Amino acid sequence: MKADKVYLVGFMGAGKTTAAGALGKRLDWQVEDIDACIERNERRDIPTIFRQDGEPYFRACERKVLIDLLPERGAVVASGGGTFADPANRELMLKDGAVVWLDAPFATVLARIPVDGRRPLAADRREMEQLYNQRLAAYRQAHFRVDAGRGSVEELVDHIVDWLNT
C-alpha cells in the first residue's frame, strides 16, 4: 500500500510508541504520538487528565489532536489505545493514511503494563480484559495487521515496510 502517513493502532502496551519511533527512523518520517501531544497541549499527564476531568474530556482532546495532525504528511502517528475504537476517529484515520494494527495478545499486554497508575484504564485487570476484547472488532478494521506479541521491533518494522512497498 502506497501511503505518505501511517497510523499505528492497537491496545495499550502493544508497542505503538516504540514501533512509531523505529518506523519513523526507517522511513525518515516525522513521528507523532497522540498521547504525548495531549500531554503537551494540556501541560499535564494523562492520569491527571482522567482524574481531574474524566475520560470524555480526554477523548475530546484526543479527537482535537487527531484532527490537528490530518494535514501532516510523511508521518508515523502512534495513536492512543482507544483512538481507533471511536468510529469517527476510525473513519478519519482509514481515509487519511495506512492504518496498521499492532496485535499483541492480552497476556503480552498484561506483562508489559505495570499497575502503577500511569495507565488509568489498566487499574482493574478484569475491566482491562473486557476493554481489550471490546476493541478487537475496531482494530480488525485496520488496513494491515502485524503480530506485536513476538519478535523484535526491527522485525515488526520490516513487516510494515514490506507491506507499504507492495
N, C-alpha and C. Protein backbone atom coordinates (compact mmCIF):
# COMPACT_ATOMS: atom_id res chain seq x y z
N MET A 1 0.85 -1.18 0.00
CA MET A 1 0.00 0.00 0.00
C MET A 1 0.89 1.24 0.00
N LYS A 2 0.72 2.07 -0.97
CA LYS A 2 1.47 3.32 -1.02
C LYS A 2 0.76 4.33 -0.13
N ALA A 3 1.51 4.92 0.77
CA ALA A 3 0.93 5.90 1.68
C ALA A 3 2.02 6.87 2.11
N ASP A 4 1.60 8.07 2.48
CA ASP A 4 2.56 9.05 2.99
C ASP A 4 2.29 9.34 4.47
N LYS A 5 1.46 8.49 5.08
CA LYS A 5 1.21 8.57 6.51
C LYS A 5 0.81 7.19 7.00
N VAL A 6 1.32 6.83 8.18
CA VAL A 6 0.97 5.55 8.80
C VAL A 6 0.47 5.83 10.20
N TYR A 7 -0.69 5.26 10.51
CA TYR A 7 -1.24 5.29 11.86
C TYR A 7 -1.02 3.92 12.47
N LEU A 8 -0.42 3.88 13.66
CA LEU A 8 -0.28 2.63 14.39
C LEU A 8 -1.38 2.59 15.44
N VAL A 9 -2.16 1.51 15.40
CA VAL A 9 -3.26 1.33 16.34
C VAL A 9 -3.08 0.02 17.08
N GLY A 10 -3.76 -0.10 18.19
CA GLY A 10 -3.70 -1.31 18.99
C GLY A 10 -3.91 -0.97 20.45
N PHE A 11 -4.02 -2.01 21.25
CA PHE A 11 -4.31 -1.83 22.67
C PHE A 11 -3.10 -1.25 23.39
N MET A 12 -3.34 -0.69 24.57
CA MET A 12 -2.22 -0.18 25.37
C MET A 12 -1.22 -1.31 25.60
N GLY A 13 0.05 -0.99 25.53
CA GLY A 13 1.08 -2.00 25.71
C GLY A 13 1.44 -2.78 24.47
N ALA A 14 0.79 -2.47 23.34
CA ALA A 14 1.09 -3.19 22.09
C ALA A 14 2.42 -2.77 21.49
N GLY A 15 2.92 -1.60 21.89
CA GLY A 15 4.21 -1.13 21.38
C GLY A 15 4.11 -0.04 20.34
N LYS A 16 3.00 0.67 20.31
CA LYS A 16 2.79 1.69 19.28
C LYS A 16 3.83 2.80 19.33
N THR A 17 4.13 3.30 20.50
CA THR A 17 5.09 4.40 20.62
C THR A 17 6.48 3.94 20.20
N THR A 18 6.90 2.78 20.67
CA THR A 18 8.22 2.24 20.33
C THR A 18 8.31 1.97 18.84
N ALA A 19 7.30 1.31 18.28
CA ALA A 19 7.30 0.98 16.86
C ALA A 19 7.26 2.24 16.00
N ALA A 20 6.51 3.25 16.44
CA ALA A 20 6.42 4.50 15.67
C ALA A 20 7.80 5.14 15.56
N GLY A 21 8.54 5.17 16.65
CA GLY A 21 9.88 5.75 16.62
C GLY A 21 10.79 5.02 15.65
N ALA A 22 10.75 3.69 15.70
CA ALA A 22 11.60 2.88 14.82
C ALA A 22 11.16 2.99 13.36
N LEU A 23 9.86 2.99 13.12
CA LEU A 23 9.35 3.10 11.75
C LEU A 23 9.65 4.49 11.18
N GLY A 24 9.45 5.52 11.98
CA GLY A 24 9.75 6.87 11.53
C GLY A 24 11.22 7.03 11.16
N LYS A 25 12.08 6.43 11.95
CA LYS A 25 13.52 6.49 11.66
C LYS A 25 13.83 5.76 10.36
N ARG A 26 13.24 4.58 10.17
CA ARG A 26 13.48 3.78 8.97
C ARG A 26 13.00 4.51 7.72
N LEU A 27 11.83 5.14 7.80
CA LEU A 27 11.25 5.84 6.65
C LEU A 27 11.77 7.27 6.50
N ASP A 28 12.46 7.76 7.52
CA ASP A 28 12.89 9.15 7.59
C ASP A 28 11.68 10.08 7.56
N TRP A 29 10.68 9.72 8.37
CA TRP A 29 9.45 10.50 8.51
C TRP A 29 9.38 11.05 9.92
N GLN A 30 8.59 12.10 10.09
CA GLN A 30 8.35 12.62 11.44
C GLN A 30 7.49 11.63 12.21
N VAL A 31 7.59 11.66 13.51
CA VAL A 31 6.83 10.77 14.38
C VAL A 31 6.00 11.62 15.33
N GLU A 32 4.73 11.29 15.42
CA GLU A 32 3.82 11.97 16.35
C GLU A 32 3.17 10.91 17.23
N ASP A 33 3.05 11.22 18.49
CA ASP A 33 2.38 10.34 19.45
C ASP A 33 1.19 11.11 20.01
N ILE A 34 0.00 10.61 19.76
CA ILE A 34 -1.20 11.34 20.15
C ILE A 34 -1.23 11.60 21.66
N ASP A 35 -0.90 10.59 22.46
CA ASP A 35 -0.91 10.78 23.92
C ASP A 35 0.10 11.86 24.34
N ALA A 36 1.28 11.84 23.74
CA ALA A 36 2.30 12.85 24.07
C ALA A 36 1.83 14.24 23.66
N CYS A 37 1.15 14.34 22.52
CA CYS A 37 0.62 15.63 22.08
C CYS A 37 -0.43 16.14 23.07
N ILE A 38 -1.29 15.25 23.54
CA ILE A 38 -2.30 15.65 24.53
C ILE A 38 -1.63 16.17 25.79
N GLU A 39 -0.64 15.44 26.27
CA GLU A 39 0.06 15.87 27.50
C GLU A 39 0.74 17.21 27.30
N ARG A 40 1.32 17.41 26.14
CA ARG A 40 1.99 18.68 25.84
C ARG A 40 0.96 19.82 25.78
N ASN A 41 -0.14 19.59 25.08
CA ASN A 41 -1.18 20.61 24.95
C ASN A 41 -1.82 20.96 26.29
N GLU A 42 -2.05 19.93 27.10
CA GLU A 42 -2.73 20.11 28.38
C GLU A 42 -1.78 20.50 29.52
N ARG A 43 -0.49 20.32 29.28
CA ARG A 43 0.54 20.60 30.30
C ARG A 43 0.31 19.78 31.57
N ARG A 44 -0.13 18.55 31.39
CA ARG A 44 -0.32 17.60 32.50
C ARG A 44 -0.38 16.20 31.92
N ASP A 45 -0.14 15.21 32.75
CA ASP A 45 -0.10 13.84 32.24
C ASP A 45 -1.51 13.24 32.14
N ILE A 46 -1.60 12.15 31.44
CA ILE A 46 -2.90 11.54 31.17
C ILE A 46 -3.61 11.08 32.44
N PRO A 47 -2.90 10.44 33.40
CA PRO A 47 -3.62 10.08 34.63
C PRO A 47 -4.25 11.30 35.32
N THR A 48 -3.58 12.43 35.29
CA THR A 48 -4.13 13.65 35.89
C THR A 48 -5.35 14.13 35.11
N ILE A 49 -5.28 14.07 33.79
CA ILE A 49 -6.43 14.46 32.96
C ILE A 49 -7.64 13.59 33.30
N PHE A 50 -7.43 12.27 33.36
CA PHE A 50 -8.53 11.35 33.70
C PHE A 50 -9.09 11.67 35.08
N ARG A 51 -8.19 11.87 36.04
CA ARG A 51 -8.61 12.11 37.43
C ARG A 51 -9.36 13.44 37.57
N GLN A 52 -8.86 14.49 36.92
CA GLN A 52 -9.45 15.82 37.10
C GLN A 52 -10.65 16.08 36.20
N ASP A 53 -10.61 15.56 34.98
CA ASP A 53 -11.65 15.92 34.01
C ASP A 53 -12.41 14.73 33.42
N GLY A 54 -11.93 13.51 33.64
CA GLY A 54 -12.64 12.33 33.17
C GLY A 54 -12.29 11.90 31.75
N GLU A 55 -12.72 10.70 31.43
CA GLU A 55 -12.43 10.13 30.12
C GLU A 55 -13.08 10.91 28.96
N PRO A 56 -14.34 11.38 29.09
CA PRO A 56 -14.92 12.13 27.95
C PRO A 56 -14.08 13.36 27.56
N TYR A 57 -13.55 14.08 28.54
CA TYR A 57 -12.70 15.22 28.24
C TYR A 57 -11.43 14.76 27.53
N PHE A 58 -10.83 13.68 28.04
CA PHE A 58 -9.63 13.13 27.40
C PHE A 58 -9.91 12.76 25.95
N ARG A 59 -11.03 12.11 25.69
CA ARG A 59 -11.38 11.70 24.32
C ARG A 59 -11.58 12.92 23.41
N ALA A 60 -12.11 14.00 23.95
CA ALA A 60 -12.25 15.23 23.16
C ALA A 60 -10.87 15.79 22.81
N CYS A 61 -9.95 15.75 23.76
CA CYS A 61 -8.57 16.19 23.50
C CYS A 61 -7.94 15.32 22.42
N GLU A 62 -8.19 14.03 22.52
CA GLU A 62 -7.64 13.06 21.56
C GLU A 62 -8.14 13.37 20.14
N ARG A 63 -9.44 13.63 20.01
CA ARG A 63 -10.03 13.95 18.70
C ARG A 63 -9.41 15.22 18.14
N LYS A 64 -9.22 16.24 18.99
CA LYS A 64 -8.64 17.50 18.54
C LYS A 64 -7.23 17.28 18.01
N VAL A 65 -6.42 16.50 18.72
CA VAL A 65 -5.05 16.23 18.27
C VAL A 65 -5.09 15.48 16.93
N LEU A 66 -5.95 14.49 16.82
CA LEU A 66 -6.06 13.74 15.57
C LEU A 66 -6.40 14.68 14.42
N ILE A 67 -7.35 15.54 14.60
CA ILE A 67 -7.75 16.48 13.55
C ILE A 67 -6.60 17.43 13.21
N ASP A 68 -5.89 17.88 14.25
CA ASP A 68 -4.74 18.76 14.01
C ASP A 68 -3.64 18.08 13.21
N LEU A 69 -3.53 16.75 13.34
CA LEU A 69 -2.48 16.00 12.63
C LEU A 69 -2.87 15.61 11.20
N LEU A 70 -4.13 15.78 10.83
CA LEU A 70 -4.57 15.36 9.49
C LEU A 70 -3.75 15.96 8.35
N PRO A 71 -3.38 17.23 8.39
CA PRO A 71 -2.62 17.78 7.26
C PRO A 71 -1.18 17.25 7.14
N GLU A 72 -0.66 16.68 8.21
CA GLU A 72 0.73 16.20 8.20
C GLU A 72 0.91 15.06 7.21
N ARG A 73 2.00 15.11 6.45
CA ARG A 73 2.34 14.03 5.51
C ARG A 73 3.76 13.57 5.86
N GLY A 74 4.15 12.40 5.39
CA GLY A 74 5.45 11.87 5.74
C GLY A 74 5.55 11.69 7.24
N ALA A 75 4.51 11.08 7.81
CA ALA A 75 4.41 10.98 9.26
C ALA A 75 3.97 9.59 9.70
N VAL A 76 4.49 9.19 10.84
CA VAL A 76 4.03 8.00 11.54
C VAL A 76 3.36 8.50 12.80
N VAL A 77 2.12 8.07 13.02
CA VAL A 77 1.36 8.52 14.18
C VAL A 77 1.06 7.34 15.08
N ALA A 78 1.55 7.41 16.32
CA ALA A 78 1.21 6.42 17.34
C ALA A 78 -0.08 6.90 17.99
N SER A 79 -1.14 6.15 17.81
CA SER A 79 -2.42 6.55 18.41
C SER A 79 -2.50 6.04 19.83
N GLY A 80 -3.46 6.57 20.57
CA GLY A 80 -3.75 6.02 21.88
C GLY A 80 -4.51 4.71 21.70
N GLY A 81 -4.57 3.90 22.73
CA GLY A 81 -5.24 2.61 22.63
C GLY A 81 -6.70 2.70 22.26
N GLY A 82 -7.37 3.79 22.64
CA GLY A 82 -8.78 3.95 22.35
C GLY A 82 -9.09 4.82 21.15
N THR A 83 -8.10 5.44 20.56
CA THR A 83 -8.33 6.38 19.46
C THR A 83 -9.11 5.72 18.32
N PHE A 84 -8.64 4.56 17.88
CA PHE A 84 -9.23 3.89 16.71
C PHE A 84 -10.55 3.21 17.07
N ALA A 85 -10.82 3.04 18.36
CA ALA A 85 -12.09 2.43 18.78
C ALA A 85 -13.27 3.36 18.55
N ASP A 86 -13.02 4.65 18.49
CA ASP A 86 -14.07 5.63 18.23
C ASP A 86 -14.39 5.63 16.73
N PRO A 87 -15.65 5.40 16.36
CA PRO A 87 -15.99 5.30 14.93
C PRO A 87 -15.62 6.52 14.10
N ALA A 88 -15.81 7.72 14.63
CA ALA A 88 -15.48 8.93 13.86
C ALA A 88 -13.97 9.04 13.67
N ASN A 89 -13.19 8.75 14.71
CA ASN A 89 -11.73 8.76 14.58
C ASN A 89 -11.28 7.71 13.58
N ARG A 90 -11.87 6.53 13.69
CA ARG A 90 -11.50 5.42 12.81
C ARG A 90 -11.72 5.80 11.35
N GLU A 91 -12.84 6.42 11.06
CA GLU A 91 -13.14 6.83 9.68
C GLU A 91 -12.09 7.84 9.18
N LEU A 92 -11.74 8.82 10.02
CA LEU A 92 -10.73 9.81 9.63
C LEU A 92 -9.39 9.12 9.34
N MET A 93 -8.98 8.23 10.22
CA MET A 93 -7.68 7.58 10.08
C MET A 93 -7.63 6.68 8.85
N LEU A 94 -8.69 5.91 8.62
CA LEU A 94 -8.71 5.00 7.47
C LEU A 94 -8.67 5.75 6.14
N LYS A 95 -9.24 6.95 6.10
CA LYS A 95 -9.22 7.76 4.88
C LYS A 95 -7.92 8.54 4.71
N ASP A 96 -7.24 8.83 5.82
CA ASP A 96 -6.09 9.72 5.78
C ASP A 96 -4.76 9.02 5.53
N GLY A 97 -4.66 7.76 5.89
CA GLY A 97 -3.37 7.09 5.75
C GLY A 97 -3.51 5.59 5.85
N ALA A 98 -2.38 4.93 5.95
CA ALA A 98 -2.35 3.48 6.12
C ALA A 98 -2.46 3.19 7.61
N VAL A 99 -3.43 2.35 7.99
CA VAL A 99 -3.64 2.03 9.39
C VAL A 99 -3.13 0.62 9.66
N VAL A 100 -2.18 0.53 10.58
CA VAL A 100 -1.55 -0.74 10.92
C VAL A 100 -1.90 -1.09 12.36
N TRP A 101 -2.48 -2.28 12.53
CA TRP A 101 -2.85 -2.79 13.85
C TRP A 101 -1.70 -3.59 14.42
N LEU A 102 -1.16 -3.14 15.54
CA LEU A 102 -0.16 -3.91 16.27
C LEU A 102 -0.94 -4.83 17.21
N ASP A 103 -1.06 -6.07 16.81
CA ASP A 103 -1.88 -7.05 17.51
C ASP A 103 -1.03 -7.80 18.54
N ALA A 104 -1.21 -7.44 19.80
CA ALA A 104 -0.50 -8.12 20.88
C ALA A 104 -1.52 -8.90 21.70
N PRO A 105 -1.24 -10.18 21.97
CA PRO A 105 -2.16 -10.97 22.79
C PRO A 105 -2.32 -10.34 24.18
N PHE A 106 -3.47 -10.58 24.79
CA PHE A 106 -3.74 -9.97 26.09
C PHE A 106 -2.67 -10.33 27.13
N ALA A 107 -2.19 -11.55 27.10
CA ALA A 107 -1.15 -11.96 28.05
C ALA A 107 0.11 -11.12 27.89
N THR A 108 0.44 -10.78 26.66
CA THR A 108 1.61 -9.93 26.39
C THR A 108 1.37 -8.52 26.93
N VAL A 109 0.18 -8.00 26.68
CA VAL A 109 -0.19 -6.67 27.17
C VAL A 109 -0.08 -6.63 28.69
N LEU A 110 -0.62 -7.65 29.34
CA LEU A 110 -0.56 -7.71 30.81
C LEU A 110 0.88 -7.66 31.31
N ALA A 111 1.74 -8.40 30.65
CA ALA A 111 3.14 -8.46 31.07
C ALA A 111 3.85 -7.12 30.87
N ARG A 112 3.40 -6.33 29.91
CA ARG A 112 4.06 -5.06 29.58
C ARG A 112 3.56 -3.87 30.39
N ILE A 113 2.38 -3.98 30.98
CA ILE A 113 1.78 -2.83 31.65
C ILE A 113 1.84 -2.97 33.16
N PRO A 114 2.62 -2.13 33.81
CA PRO A 114 2.66 -2.17 35.27
C PRO A 114 1.38 -1.57 35.87
N VAL A 115 1.02 -2.04 37.04
CA VAL A 115 -0.13 -1.46 37.75
C VAL A 115 0.42 -0.38 38.67
N ASP A 116 0.72 0.78 38.08
CA ASP A 116 1.34 1.86 38.85
C ASP A 116 0.59 3.18 38.73
N GLY A 117 -0.59 3.14 38.09
CA GLY A 117 -1.39 4.35 37.98
C GLY A 117 -1.13 5.18 36.74
N ARG A 118 -0.08 4.84 35.98
CA ARG A 118 0.22 5.63 34.77
C ARG A 118 -0.77 5.35 33.65
N ARG A 119 -1.45 4.22 33.72
CA ARG A 119 -2.45 3.87 32.71
C ARG A 119 -3.80 3.75 33.41
N PRO A 120 -4.60 4.81 33.39
CA PRO A 120 -5.85 4.81 34.14
C PRO A 120 -6.79 3.65 33.83
N LEU A 121 -6.83 3.21 32.57
CA LEU A 121 -7.74 2.14 32.20
C LEU A 121 -7.17 0.75 32.46
N ALA A 122 -5.98 0.68 33.09
CA ALA A 122 -5.36 -0.61 33.40
C ALA A 122 -5.42 -0.94 34.88
N ALA A 123 -6.08 -0.11 35.67
CA ALA A 123 -6.10 -0.32 37.12
C ALA A 123 -6.80 -1.62 37.50
N ASP A 124 -7.89 -1.92 36.86
CA ASP A 124 -8.64 -3.14 37.14
C ASP A 124 -8.41 -4.10 35.98
N ARG A 125 -7.68 -5.19 36.25
CA ARG A 125 -7.29 -6.12 35.17
C ARG A 125 -8.49 -6.81 34.52
N ARG A 126 -9.53 -7.07 35.26
CA ARG A 126 -10.72 -7.70 34.67
C ARG A 126 -11.40 -6.73 33.70
N GLU A 127 -11.54 -5.48 34.13
CA GLU A 127 -12.13 -4.46 33.24
C GLU A 127 -11.23 -4.22 32.03
N MET A 128 -9.92 -4.28 32.25
CA MET A 128 -8.99 -4.08 31.15
C MET A 128 -9.15 -5.19 30.10
N GLU A 129 -9.34 -6.41 30.55
CA GLU A 129 -9.54 -7.51 29.60
C GLU A 129 -10.84 -7.34 28.82
N GLN A 130 -11.88 -6.89 29.49
CA GLN A 130 -13.15 -6.63 28.80
C GLN A 130 -12.97 -5.54 27.75
N LEU A 131 -12.25 -4.49 28.11
CA LEU A 131 -11.98 -3.39 27.17
C LEU A 131 -11.17 -3.90 25.97
N TYR A 132 -10.17 -4.72 26.25
CA TYR A 132 -9.35 -5.33 25.19
C TYR A 132 -10.25 -6.07 24.21
N ASN A 133 -11.12 -6.93 24.74
CA ASN A 133 -12.00 -7.73 23.88
C ASN A 133 -12.99 -6.87 23.11
N GLN A 134 -13.47 -5.79 23.74
CA GLN A 134 -14.40 -4.88 23.06
C GLN A 134 -13.74 -4.17 21.88
N ARG A 135 -12.49 -3.82 22.04
CA ARG A 135 -11.80 -3.04 21.00
C ARG A 135 -11.31 -3.89 19.83
N LEU A 136 -11.27 -5.19 19.98
CA LEU A 136 -10.75 -6.05 18.90
C LEU A 136 -11.50 -5.84 17.60
N ALA A 137 -12.82 -5.71 17.66
CA ALA A 137 -13.61 -5.53 16.43
C ALA A 137 -13.18 -4.26 15.69
N ALA A 138 -12.88 -3.21 16.43
CA ALA A 138 -12.42 -1.98 15.78
C ALA A 138 -11.03 -2.19 15.18
N TYR A 139 -10.11 -2.75 15.95
CA TYR A 139 -8.75 -2.94 15.45
C TYR A 139 -8.72 -3.80 14.19
N ARG A 140 -9.63 -4.75 14.09
CA ARG A 140 -9.67 -5.63 12.90
C ARG A 140 -10.00 -4.87 11.62
N GLN A 141 -10.46 -3.64 11.74
CA GLN A 141 -10.79 -2.83 10.56
C GLN A 141 -9.58 -2.09 9.99
N ALA A 142 -8.43 -2.24 10.64
CA ALA A 142 -7.21 -1.61 10.13
C ALA A 142 -6.87 -2.18 8.76
N HIS A 143 -6.09 -1.46 7.99
CA HIS A 143 -5.67 -1.92 6.67
C HIS A 143 -4.73 -3.13 6.74
N PHE A 144 -3.95 -3.21 7.80
CA PHE A 144 -2.92 -4.25 7.91
C PHE A 144 -2.74 -4.64 9.37
N ARG A 145 -2.50 -5.92 9.62
CA ARG A 145 -2.29 -6.44 10.96
C ARG A 145 -0.89 -7.04 11.05
N VAL A 146 -0.18 -6.69 12.12
CA VAL A 146 1.10 -7.33 12.39
C VAL A 146 1.06 -7.91 13.80
N ASP A 147 1.73 -9.02 13.98
CA ASP A 147 1.82 -9.67 15.28
C ASP A 147 2.83 -8.91 16.13
N ALA A 148 2.33 -8.23 17.15
CA ALA A 148 3.20 -7.44 18.02
C ALA A 148 3.51 -8.18 19.31
N GLY A 149 3.18 -9.45 19.34
CA GLY A 149 3.39 -10.23 20.55
C GLY A 149 4.70 -10.97 20.60
N ARG A 150 5.39 -11.02 19.47
CA ARG A 150 6.69 -11.70 19.46
C ARG A 150 7.57 -11.07 18.40
N GLY A 151 8.83 -11.38 18.49
CA GLY A 151 9.78 -10.79 17.54
C GLY A 151 10.25 -9.44 18.02
N SER A 152 11.25 -8.94 17.34
CA SER A 152 11.85 -7.66 17.72
C SER A 152 11.10 -6.50 17.07
N VAL A 153 11.39 -5.32 17.55
CA VAL A 153 10.81 -4.11 16.95
C VAL A 153 11.27 -4.00 15.50
N GLU A 154 12.53 -4.36 15.25
CA GLU A 154 13.06 -4.29 13.88
C GLU A 154 12.28 -5.22 12.95
N GLU A 155 11.94 -6.41 13.43
CA GLU A 155 11.16 -7.35 12.61
C GLU A 155 9.76 -6.79 12.34
N LEU A 156 9.17 -6.20 13.34
CA LEU A 156 7.85 -5.61 13.19
C LEU A 156 7.90 -4.49 12.14
N VAL A 157 8.91 -3.64 12.23
CA VAL A 157 9.08 -2.56 11.26
C VAL A 157 9.32 -3.13 9.86
N ASP A 158 10.11 -4.19 9.77
CA ASP A 158 10.33 -4.85 8.46
C ASP A 158 9.01 -5.25 7.83
N HIS A 159 8.11 -5.86 8.62
CA HIS A 159 6.81 -6.30 8.10
C HIS A 159 6.00 -5.11 7.58
N ILE A 160 6.01 -4.03 8.34
CA ILE A 160 5.24 -2.85 7.94
C ILE A 160 5.82 -2.24 6.66
N VAL A 161 7.14 -2.11 6.60
CA VAL A 161 7.79 -1.52 5.42
C VAL A 161 7.55 -2.39 4.20
N ASP A 162 7.68 -3.71 4.36
CA ASP A 162 7.40 -4.63 3.24
C ASP A 162 5.99 -4.43 2.72
N TRP A 163 5.02 -4.32 3.64
CA TRP A 163 3.63 -4.12 3.24
C TRP A 163 3.45 -2.78 2.53
N LEU A 164 4.08 -1.74 3.06
CA LEU A 164 3.96 -0.42 2.45
C LEU A 164 4.54 -0.40 1.02
N ASN A 165 5.53 -1.24 0.79
CA ASN A 165 6.20 -1.28 -0.52
C ASN A 165 5.53 -2.21 -1.52
N THR A 166 4.42 -2.84 -1.13
CA THR A 166 3.75 -3.75 -2.06
C THR A 166 2.71 -3.02 -2.90
